[in-house]
Structures are given as structure tokens and as C-alpha cells.
Amino acid sequence: MKTAPDFPIRVFYDGSCSVCAMEVERYGRMDRDGRLLLVDISAARFNPLPYGITLAEFMYQMHVIDRSGTVFRGIEAFWAIWQAFPSSTLLGMGGVLISLPVFNQIARIMYRLFARFRRYLPKRRRPCPTGECRIGKE
């Protein structure tokens, strides 16, 4: 794993994906210290150009960018998010476990499978009234 992220971090998520949005919404509710800035990449106003990452890349796997510009992708993105929570919490312990070689390899395989099939997951049932599914701070 990379060095710990420099908070706050931008968490890029697909707000049109019900599973993705539900998980990121949970992180947003748990974030009491403002360490997570949630960015919906499915929003019409989202522009990937300033980040040097294509929309297709953002859509393919989870991305997190910290304050100093370090990019975390895939399972490392989840690791970066989980660093925002104390190790005494379930997410904090997940961040510790995922750093261990065996757990890391299993997590990478599971995430690759999820990323490959994510586009087939159900979309939000009700479209967002503004065309943008904002769930938290940005």
C-alpha cells in the first residue's frame, strides 16, 4: 500500500449505481471530521479533465485523490477511505487487514470481479430530480 493519504480526500463514485452510492453514502454519514469529499462522477457537471483521468477510467474502478494529488485506484482507494476512520472501528480494522499480503491479494481479486460486473448492477430506482445524485459533501 502507498503511504497514508493526505486528508481531506476526494472520493469519486458513480451516483447512478445503487450499490456504489449506498456504500459511499455510508462513508459520508460516518465521516464526522470532514475527511471525505464525495464527488459523483455520473453528474452531468462532472469534468474529469482537471484530474488527468478519463471518465471511462473513473467509471471502471474507484478513484480517490488526496490533498497532495496522490491517486489511489481500486482496492487502494478503499484502503485510503478506510484510513479516515479509527482502527477501533470496523472500517479502520478493514484498512489494517487489507494491508496484509494474503488479505490484499484476496481483496484485489474480489475487487476486479466487482469492477468487471458493476455495470450490470441495478441503477437507482428513482432518477435524481436535478439529474445529479448528490449524497454528501463536495
N, C-alpha and C. Protein backbone atom coordinates (compact mmCIF):
# COMPACT_ATOMS: atom_id res chain seq x y z
N MET A 1 0.84 -1.19 0.00
CA MET A 1 0.00 0.00 0.00
C MET A 1 0.88 1.25 0.00
N LYS A 2 0.31 2.32 -0.52
CA LYS A 2 1.01 3.59 -0.53
C LYS A 2 1.05 4.16 0.88
N THR A 3 1.72 5.29 1.02
CA THR A 3 1.71 5.95 2.31
C THR A 3 0.31 6.48 2.58
N ALA A 4 0.02 6.75 3.84
CA ALA A 4 -1.31 7.21 4.24
C ALA A 4 -1.70 8.45 3.45
N PRO A 5 -2.96 8.57 3.10
CA PRO A 5 -3.42 9.73 2.33
C PRO A 5 -3.34 11.01 3.14
N ASP A 6 -3.19 12.11 2.41
CA ASP A 6 -3.17 13.45 2.99
C ASP A 6 -4.61 13.96 2.93
N PHE A 7 -5.28 14.01 4.07
CA PHE A 7 -6.69 14.38 4.13
C PHE A 7 -6.87 15.88 4.03
N PRO A 8 -8.03 16.32 3.49
CA PRO A 8 -9.17 15.53 3.04
C PRO A 8 -8.88 14.88 1.69
N ILE A 9 -9.66 13.83 1.39
CA ILE A 9 -9.52 13.12 0.13
C ILE A 9 -10.81 13.25 -0.66
N ARG A 10 -10.67 13.27 -1.98
CA ARG A 10 -11.83 13.28 -2.87
C ARG A 10 -12.14 11.83 -3.23
N VAL A 11 -13.38 11.43 -2.96
CA VAL A 11 -13.84 10.08 -3.25
C VAL A 11 -14.75 10.17 -4.47
N PHE A 12 -14.32 9.60 -5.57
CA PHE A 12 -15.07 9.64 -6.82
C PHE A 12 -15.93 8.38 -6.91
N TYR A 13 -17.23 8.56 -7.03
CA TYR A 13 -18.16 7.42 -7.03
C TYR A 13 -19.21 7.62 -8.12
N ASP A 14 -19.79 6.53 -8.55
CA ASP A 14 -20.85 6.55 -9.56
C ASP A 14 -22.20 6.65 -8.84
N GLY A 15 -22.75 7.83 -8.81
CA GLY A 15 -24.02 8.07 -8.12
C GLY A 15 -25.21 7.38 -8.76
N SER A 16 -25.07 6.95 -10.01
CA SER A 16 -26.18 6.25 -10.66
C SER A 16 -26.21 4.77 -10.30
N CYS A 17 -25.14 4.25 -9.74
CA CYS A 17 -25.05 2.84 -9.32
C CYS A 17 -25.58 2.73 -7.89
N SER A 18 -26.66 2.00 -7.71
CA SER A 18 -27.29 1.95 -6.38
C SER A 18 -26.35 1.36 -5.33
N VAL A 19 -25.62 0.33 -5.67
CA VAL A 19 -24.71 -0.30 -4.70
C VAL A 19 -23.56 0.66 -4.35
N CYS A 20 -22.98 1.28 -5.37
CA CYS A 20 -21.86 2.20 -5.16
C CYS A 20 -22.31 3.40 -4.30
N ALA A 21 -23.43 3.99 -4.68
CA ALA A 21 -23.92 5.17 -3.95
C ALA A 21 -24.26 4.82 -2.51
N MET A 22 -24.85 3.64 -2.29
CA MET A 22 -25.21 3.23 -0.93
C MET A 22 -23.96 3.12 -0.06
N GLU A 23 -22.91 2.53 -0.59
CA GLU A 23 -21.68 2.35 0.18
C GLU A 23 -21.02 3.70 0.47
N VAL A 24 -20.91 4.53 -0.54
CA VAL A 24 -20.27 5.84 -0.34
C VAL A 24 -21.12 6.71 0.58
N GLU A 25 -22.43 6.60 0.49
CA GLU A 25 -23.31 7.34 1.39
C GLU A 25 -23.05 6.94 2.84
N ARG A 26 -22.82 5.67 3.06
CA ARG A 26 -22.49 5.19 4.42
C ARG A 26 -21.19 5.82 4.91
N TYR A 27 -20.19 5.87 4.05
CA TYR A 27 -18.93 6.51 4.43
C TYR A 27 -19.16 7.97 4.77
N GLY A 28 -19.96 8.65 3.95
CA GLY A 28 -20.25 10.06 4.19
C GLY A 28 -20.94 10.30 5.53
N ARG A 29 -21.88 9.42 5.89
CA ARG A 29 -22.57 9.56 7.19
C ARG A 29 -21.61 9.33 8.35
N MET A 30 -20.66 8.44 8.16
CA MET A 30 -19.72 8.10 9.24
C MET A 30 -18.59 9.14 9.38
N ASP A 31 -18.38 9.94 8.37
CA ASP A 31 -17.29 10.91 8.37
C ASP A 31 -17.65 12.13 9.21
N ARG A 32 -17.23 12.12 10.43
CA ARG A 32 -17.55 13.22 11.36
C ARG A 32 -16.53 14.36 11.29
N ASP A 33 -15.36 14.11 10.69
CA ASP A 33 -14.29 15.09 10.70
C ASP A 33 -14.07 15.79 9.35
N GLY A 34 -14.93 15.56 8.39
CA GLY A 34 -14.79 16.20 7.09
C GLY A 34 -13.57 15.74 6.31
N ARG A 35 -13.22 14.48 6.47
CA ARG A 35 -12.03 13.95 5.79
C ARG A 35 -12.35 13.45 4.38
N LEU A 36 -13.64 13.27 4.07
CA LEU A 36 -14.06 12.74 2.78
C LEU A 36 -14.86 13.79 2.01
N LEU A 37 -14.45 14.04 0.78
CA LEU A 37 -15.19 14.93 -0.13
C LEU A 37 -15.74 14.03 -1.23
N LEU A 38 -17.05 13.91 -1.29
CA LEU A 38 -17.68 12.96 -2.20
C LEU A 38 -18.01 13.62 -3.53
N VAL A 39 -17.56 12.99 -4.62
CA VAL A 39 -17.73 13.55 -5.96
C VAL A 39 -18.43 12.52 -6.84
N ASP A 40 -19.62 12.87 -7.32
CA ASP A 40 -20.42 11.98 -8.17
C ASP A 40 -19.95 12.10 -9.62
N ILE A 41 -19.32 11.05 -10.13
CA ILE A 41 -18.80 11.09 -11.49
C ILE A 41 -19.90 10.89 -12.54
N SER A 42 -21.10 10.53 -12.11
CA SER A 42 -22.20 10.38 -13.06
C SER A 42 -22.95 11.69 -13.26
N ALA A 43 -22.62 12.71 -12.49
CA ALA A 43 -23.29 14.01 -12.61
C ALA A 43 -22.93 14.67 -13.93
N ALA A 44 -23.89 15.33 -14.55
CA ALA A 44 -23.67 15.99 -15.84
C ALA A 44 -22.57 17.05 -15.74
N ARG A 45 -22.44 17.67 -14.60
CA ARG A 45 -21.45 18.74 -14.45
C ARG A 45 -20.05 18.23 -14.11
N PHE A 46 -19.89 16.92 -13.89
CA PHE A 46 -18.57 16.39 -13.55
C PHE A 46 -17.64 16.47 -14.77
N ASN A 47 -16.47 17.05 -14.56
CA ASN A 47 -15.47 17.20 -15.61
C ASN A 47 -14.20 16.46 -15.17
N PRO A 48 -13.85 15.37 -15.81
CA PRO A 48 -12.66 14.61 -15.41
C PRO A 48 -11.34 15.24 -15.84
N LEU A 49 -11.36 16.19 -16.78
CA LEU A 49 -10.13 16.74 -17.34
C LEU A 49 -9.14 17.28 -16.30
N PRO A 50 -9.58 18.03 -15.29
CA PRO A 50 -8.60 18.56 -14.33
C PRO A 50 -7.83 17.47 -13.57
N TYR A 51 -8.36 16.28 -13.55
CA TYR A 51 -7.72 15.20 -12.79
C TYR A 51 -6.79 14.35 -13.64
N GLY A 52 -6.81 14.56 -14.97
CA GLY A 52 -5.95 13.78 -15.85
C GLY A 52 -6.34 12.31 -15.93
N ILE A 53 -7.61 12.03 -15.65
CA ILE A 53 -8.15 10.67 -15.68
C ILE A 53 -9.40 10.72 -16.55
N THR A 54 -9.52 9.77 -17.45
CA THR A 54 -10.70 9.77 -18.33
C THR A 54 -11.94 9.34 -17.55
N LEU A 55 -13.10 9.72 -18.06
CA LEU A 55 -14.35 9.30 -17.44
C LEU A 55 -14.46 7.79 -17.46
N ALA A 56 -14.00 7.15 -18.55
CA ALA A 56 -14.05 5.69 -18.63
C ALA A 56 -13.21 5.05 -17.52
N GLU A 57 -12.05 5.63 -17.22
CA GLU A 57 -11.21 5.11 -16.13
C GLU A 57 -11.91 5.30 -14.78
N PHE A 58 -12.50 6.48 -14.58
CA PHE A 58 -13.24 6.73 -13.34
C PHE A 58 -14.37 5.72 -13.20
N MET A 59 -15.06 5.44 -14.29
CA MET A 59 -16.19 4.51 -14.24
C MET A 59 -15.76 3.07 -14.05
N TYR A 60 -14.56 2.74 -14.51
CA TYR A 60 -14.11 1.35 -14.42
C TYR A 60 -13.78 0.94 -12.98
N GLN A 61 -13.14 1.83 -12.24
CA GLN A 61 -12.76 1.48 -10.87
C GLN A 61 -12.79 2.71 -9.97
N MET A 62 -12.92 2.45 -8.69
CA MET A 62 -12.98 3.51 -7.69
C MET A 62 -11.67 4.30 -7.71
N HIS A 63 -11.79 5.63 -7.59
CA HIS A 63 -10.63 6.51 -7.51
C HIS A 63 -10.77 7.41 -6.28
N VAL A 64 -9.66 7.66 -5.65
CA VAL A 64 -9.55 8.62 -4.56
C VAL A 64 -8.31 9.46 -4.85
N ILE A 65 -8.42 10.76 -4.67
CA ILE A 65 -7.26 11.64 -4.82
C ILE A 65 -7.14 12.45 -3.54
N ASP A 66 -5.95 12.40 -2.94
CA ASP A 66 -5.77 13.12 -1.67
C ASP A 66 -5.35 14.57 -1.93
N ARG A 67 -5.20 15.32 -0.85
CA ARG A 67 -4.92 16.75 -0.93
C ARG A 67 -3.62 17.04 -1.68
N SER A 68 -2.64 16.16 -1.57
CA SER A 68 -1.37 16.40 -2.25
C SER A 68 -1.34 15.85 -3.68
N GLY A 69 -2.47 15.29 -4.16
CA GLY A 69 -2.57 14.83 -5.54
C GLY A 69 -2.26 13.36 -5.76
N THR A 70 -2.01 12.62 -4.70
CA THR A 70 -1.77 11.18 -4.84
C THR A 70 -3.07 10.49 -5.23
N VAL A 71 -2.99 9.62 -6.24
CA VAL A 71 -4.15 8.92 -6.74
C VAL A 71 -4.14 7.48 -6.21
N PHE A 72 -5.26 7.07 -5.66
CA PHE A 72 -5.46 5.70 -5.18
C PHE A 72 -6.55 5.09 -6.05
N ARG A 73 -6.29 3.91 -6.60
CA ARG A 73 -7.25 3.26 -7.50
C ARG A 73 -7.63 1.88 -6.98
N GLY A 74 -8.86 1.46 -7.33
CA GLY A 74 -9.28 0.11 -6.98
C GLY A 74 -9.28 -0.14 -5.49
N ILE A 75 -8.67 -1.23 -5.09
CA ILE A 75 -8.67 -1.60 -3.67
C ILE A 75 -7.89 -0.58 -2.83
N GLU A 76 -6.88 0.06 -3.43
CA GLU A 76 -6.14 1.10 -2.71
C GLU A 76 -7.03 2.30 -2.38
N ALA A 77 -8.03 2.55 -3.25
CA ALA A 77 -8.97 3.64 -2.98
C ALA A 77 -9.77 3.35 -1.72
N PHE A 78 -10.22 2.11 -1.58
CA PHE A 78 -10.95 1.74 -0.37
C PHE A 78 -10.04 1.82 0.85
N TRP A 79 -8.80 1.37 0.68
CA TRP A 79 -7.83 1.46 1.78
C TRP A 79 -7.68 2.92 2.22
N ALA A 80 -7.57 3.84 1.24
CA ALA A 80 -7.42 5.26 1.56
C ALA A 80 -8.64 5.79 2.31
N ILE A 81 -9.82 5.39 1.86
CA ILE A 81 -11.05 5.82 2.54
C ILE A 81 -11.06 5.31 3.98
N TRP A 82 -10.73 4.05 4.15
CA TRP A 82 -10.78 3.44 5.47
C TRP A 82 -9.76 4.04 6.43
N GLN A 83 -8.72 4.70 5.90
CA GLN A 83 -7.75 5.39 6.76
C GLN A 83 -8.37 6.59 7.46
N ALA A 84 -9.52 7.04 6.97
CA ALA A 84 -10.21 8.18 7.58
C ALA A 84 -10.89 7.81 8.89
N PHE A 85 -10.95 6.52 9.17
CA PHE A 85 -11.67 6.05 10.36
C PHE A 85 -10.70 5.40 11.35
N PRO A 86 -10.95 5.57 12.64
CA PRO A 86 -10.06 4.97 13.65
C PRO A 86 -9.97 3.46 13.50
N SER A 87 -8.81 2.92 13.84
CA SER A 87 -8.60 1.47 13.72
C SER A 87 -9.50 0.68 14.66
N SER A 88 -10.12 1.35 15.62
CA SER A 88 -11.04 0.67 16.53
C SER A 88 -12.39 0.39 15.88
N THR A 89 -12.65 0.99 14.72
CA THR A 89 -13.91 0.76 14.02
C THR A 89 -13.75 -0.38 13.02
N LEU A 90 -14.86 -0.89 12.53
CA LEU A 90 -14.82 -1.98 11.56
C LEU A 90 -14.09 -1.55 10.28
N LEU A 91 -14.36 -0.35 9.79
CA LEU A 91 -13.68 0.12 8.59
C LEU A 91 -12.19 0.33 8.85
N GLY A 92 -11.85 0.86 10.00
CA GLY A 92 -10.44 1.05 10.35
C GLY A 92 -9.70 -0.27 10.42
N MET A 93 -10.35 -1.29 11.00
CA MET A 93 -9.74 -2.62 11.04
C MET A 93 -9.61 -3.19 9.64
N GLY A 94 -10.59 -2.91 8.78
CA GLY A 94 -10.51 -3.35 7.39
C GLY A 94 -9.29 -2.76 6.70
N GLY A 95 -8.99 -1.50 7.00
CA GLY A 95 -7.80 -0.86 6.45
C GLY A 95 -6.52 -1.53 6.89
N VAL A 96 -6.50 -2.00 8.13
CA VAL A 96 -5.32 -2.73 8.64
C VAL A 96 -5.23 -4.10 7.97
N LEU A 97 -6.34 -4.83 7.93
CA LEU A 97 -6.34 -6.17 7.34
C LEU A 97 -5.97 -6.16 5.86
N ILE A 98 -6.48 -5.20 5.14
CA ILE A 98 -6.23 -5.16 3.70
C ILE A 98 -4.77 -4.85 3.38
N SER A 99 -4.03 -4.39 4.37
CA SER A 99 -2.60 -4.14 4.19
C SER A 99 -1.79 -5.43 4.27
N LEU A 100 -2.36 -6.46 4.83
CA LEU A 100 -1.65 -7.73 4.96
C LEU A 100 -1.64 -8.45 3.62
N PRO A 101 -0.50 -9.04 3.23
CA PRO A 101 -0.36 -9.62 1.88
C PRO A 101 -1.46 -10.59 1.46
N VAL A 102 -1.83 -11.54 2.28
CA VAL A 102 -2.84 -12.52 1.88
C VAL A 102 -4.19 -11.85 1.68
N PHE A 103 -4.60 -11.03 2.63
CA PHE A 103 -5.88 -10.33 2.53
C PHE A 103 -5.87 -9.37 1.33
N ASN A 104 -4.73 -8.73 1.08
CA ASN A 104 -4.62 -7.79 -0.02
C ASN A 104 -4.84 -8.50 -1.35
N GLN A 105 -4.24 -9.65 -1.54
CA GLN A 105 -4.41 -10.39 -2.79
C GLN A 105 -5.87 -10.84 -2.98
N ILE A 106 -6.47 -11.32 -1.92
CA ILE A 106 -7.88 -11.73 -2.00
C ILE A 106 -8.76 -10.53 -2.33
N ALA A 107 -8.51 -9.40 -1.67
CA ALA A 107 -9.30 -8.19 -1.91
C ALA A 107 -9.14 -7.70 -3.35
N ARG A 108 -7.93 -7.77 -3.88
CA ARG A 108 -7.69 -7.35 -5.26
C ARG A 108 -8.50 -8.21 -6.24
N ILE A 109 -8.49 -9.51 -6.02
CA ILE A 109 -9.25 -10.42 -6.89
C ILE A 109 -10.74 -10.12 -6.80
N MET A 110 -11.23 -9.98 -5.58
CA MET A 110 -12.66 -9.70 -5.38
C MET A 110 -13.04 -8.36 -6.02
N TYR A 111 -12.18 -7.35 -5.87
CA TYR A 111 -12.50 -6.05 -6.44
C TYR A 111 -12.51 -6.10 -7.97
N ARG A 112 -11.55 -6.81 -8.56
CA ARG A 112 -11.52 -6.94 -10.03
C ARG A 112 -12.81 -7.57 -10.54
N LEU A 113 -13.29 -8.58 -9.83
CA LEU A 113 -14.55 -9.21 -10.21
C LEU A 113 -15.70 -8.22 -10.10
N PHE A 114 -15.74 -7.48 -8.98
CA PHE A 114 -16.79 -6.48 -8.78
C PHE A 114 -16.73 -5.42 -9.88
N ALA A 115 -15.54 -4.90 -10.18
CA ALA A 115 -15.39 -3.85 -11.18
C ALA A 115 -15.84 -4.33 -12.56
N ARG A 116 -15.56 -5.58 -12.86
CA ARG A 116 -15.94 -6.13 -14.16
C ARG A 116 -17.46 -6.22 -14.31
N PHE A 117 -18.16 -6.56 -13.22
CA PHE A 117 -19.61 -6.77 -13.30
C PHE A 117 -20.45 -5.62 -12.76
N ARG A 118 -19.81 -4.56 -12.28
CA ARG A 118 -20.52 -3.44 -11.67
C ARG A 118 -21.53 -2.81 -12.61
N ARG A 119 -21.21 -2.72 -13.87
CA ARG A 119 -22.13 -2.06 -14.82
C ARG A 119 -23.45 -2.80 -14.96
N TYR A 120 -23.49 -4.05 -14.54
CA TYR A 120 -24.72 -4.83 -14.62
C TYR A 120 -25.57 -4.72 -13.34
N LEU A 121 -25.04 -4.04 -12.34
CA LEU A 121 -25.79 -3.86 -11.09
C LEU A 121 -26.96 -2.93 -11.31
N PRO A 122 -27.97 -3.03 -10.47
CA PRO A 122 -29.14 -2.15 -10.65
C PRO A 122 -28.77 -0.68 -10.50
N LYS A 123 -29.42 0.13 -11.31
CA LYS A 123 -29.28 1.58 -11.21
C LYS A 123 -30.26 2.06 -10.16
N ARG A 124 -30.12 3.32 -9.78
CA ARG A 124 -31.07 3.88 -8.81
C ARG A 124 -32.48 3.75 -9.35
N ARG A 125 -33.42 3.42 -8.48
CA ARG A 125 -34.81 3.22 -8.93
C ARG A 125 -35.44 4.52 -9.38
N ARG A 126 -35.25 5.53 -8.58
CA ARG A 126 -35.81 6.83 -8.94
C ARG A 126 -34.69 7.73 -9.43
N PRO A 127 -34.83 8.33 -10.59
CA PRO A 127 -33.79 9.25 -11.04
C PRO A 127 -33.74 10.45 -10.11
N CYS A 128 -32.59 11.02 -9.97
CA CYS A 128 -32.43 12.18 -9.11
C CYS A 128 -33.14 13.37 -9.75
N PRO A 129 -33.89 14.13 -8.98
CA PRO A 129 -34.72 15.20 -9.56
C PRO A 129 -33.92 16.24 -10.32
N THR A 130 -32.69 16.50 -9.91
CA THR A 130 -31.88 17.52 -10.58
C THR A 130 -30.99 16.90 -11.66
N GLY A 131 -31.08 15.58 -11.84
CA GLY A 131 -30.20 14.91 -12.78
C GLY A 131 -28.85 14.59 -12.18
N GLU A 132 -28.69 14.89 -10.91
CA GLU A 132 -27.45 14.67 -10.20
C GLU A 132 -27.77 14.09 -8.83
N CYS A 133 -27.13 12.99 -8.50
CA CYS A 133 -27.43 12.30 -7.25
C CYS A 133 -26.43 12.66 -6.18
N ARG A 134 -26.57 13.82 -5.59
CA ARG A 134 -25.65 14.25 -4.55
C ARG A 134 -26.02 13.59 -3.25
N ILE A 135 -25.03 13.02 -2.60
CA ILE A 135 -25.30 12.34 -1.33
C ILE A 135 -24.51 12.93 -0.19
N GLY A 136 -23.65 13.86 -0.45
CA GLY A 136 -22.86 14.37 0.67
C GLY A 136 -22.08 15.60 0.31
N LYS A 137 -21.01 15.78 1.06
CA LYS A 137 -20.17 16.95 0.92
C LYS A 137 -19.35 16.86 -0.36
N GLU A 138 -19.11 18.00 -0.97
CA GLU A 138 -18.25 18.03 -2.15
C GLU A 138 -17.46 19.32 -2.14
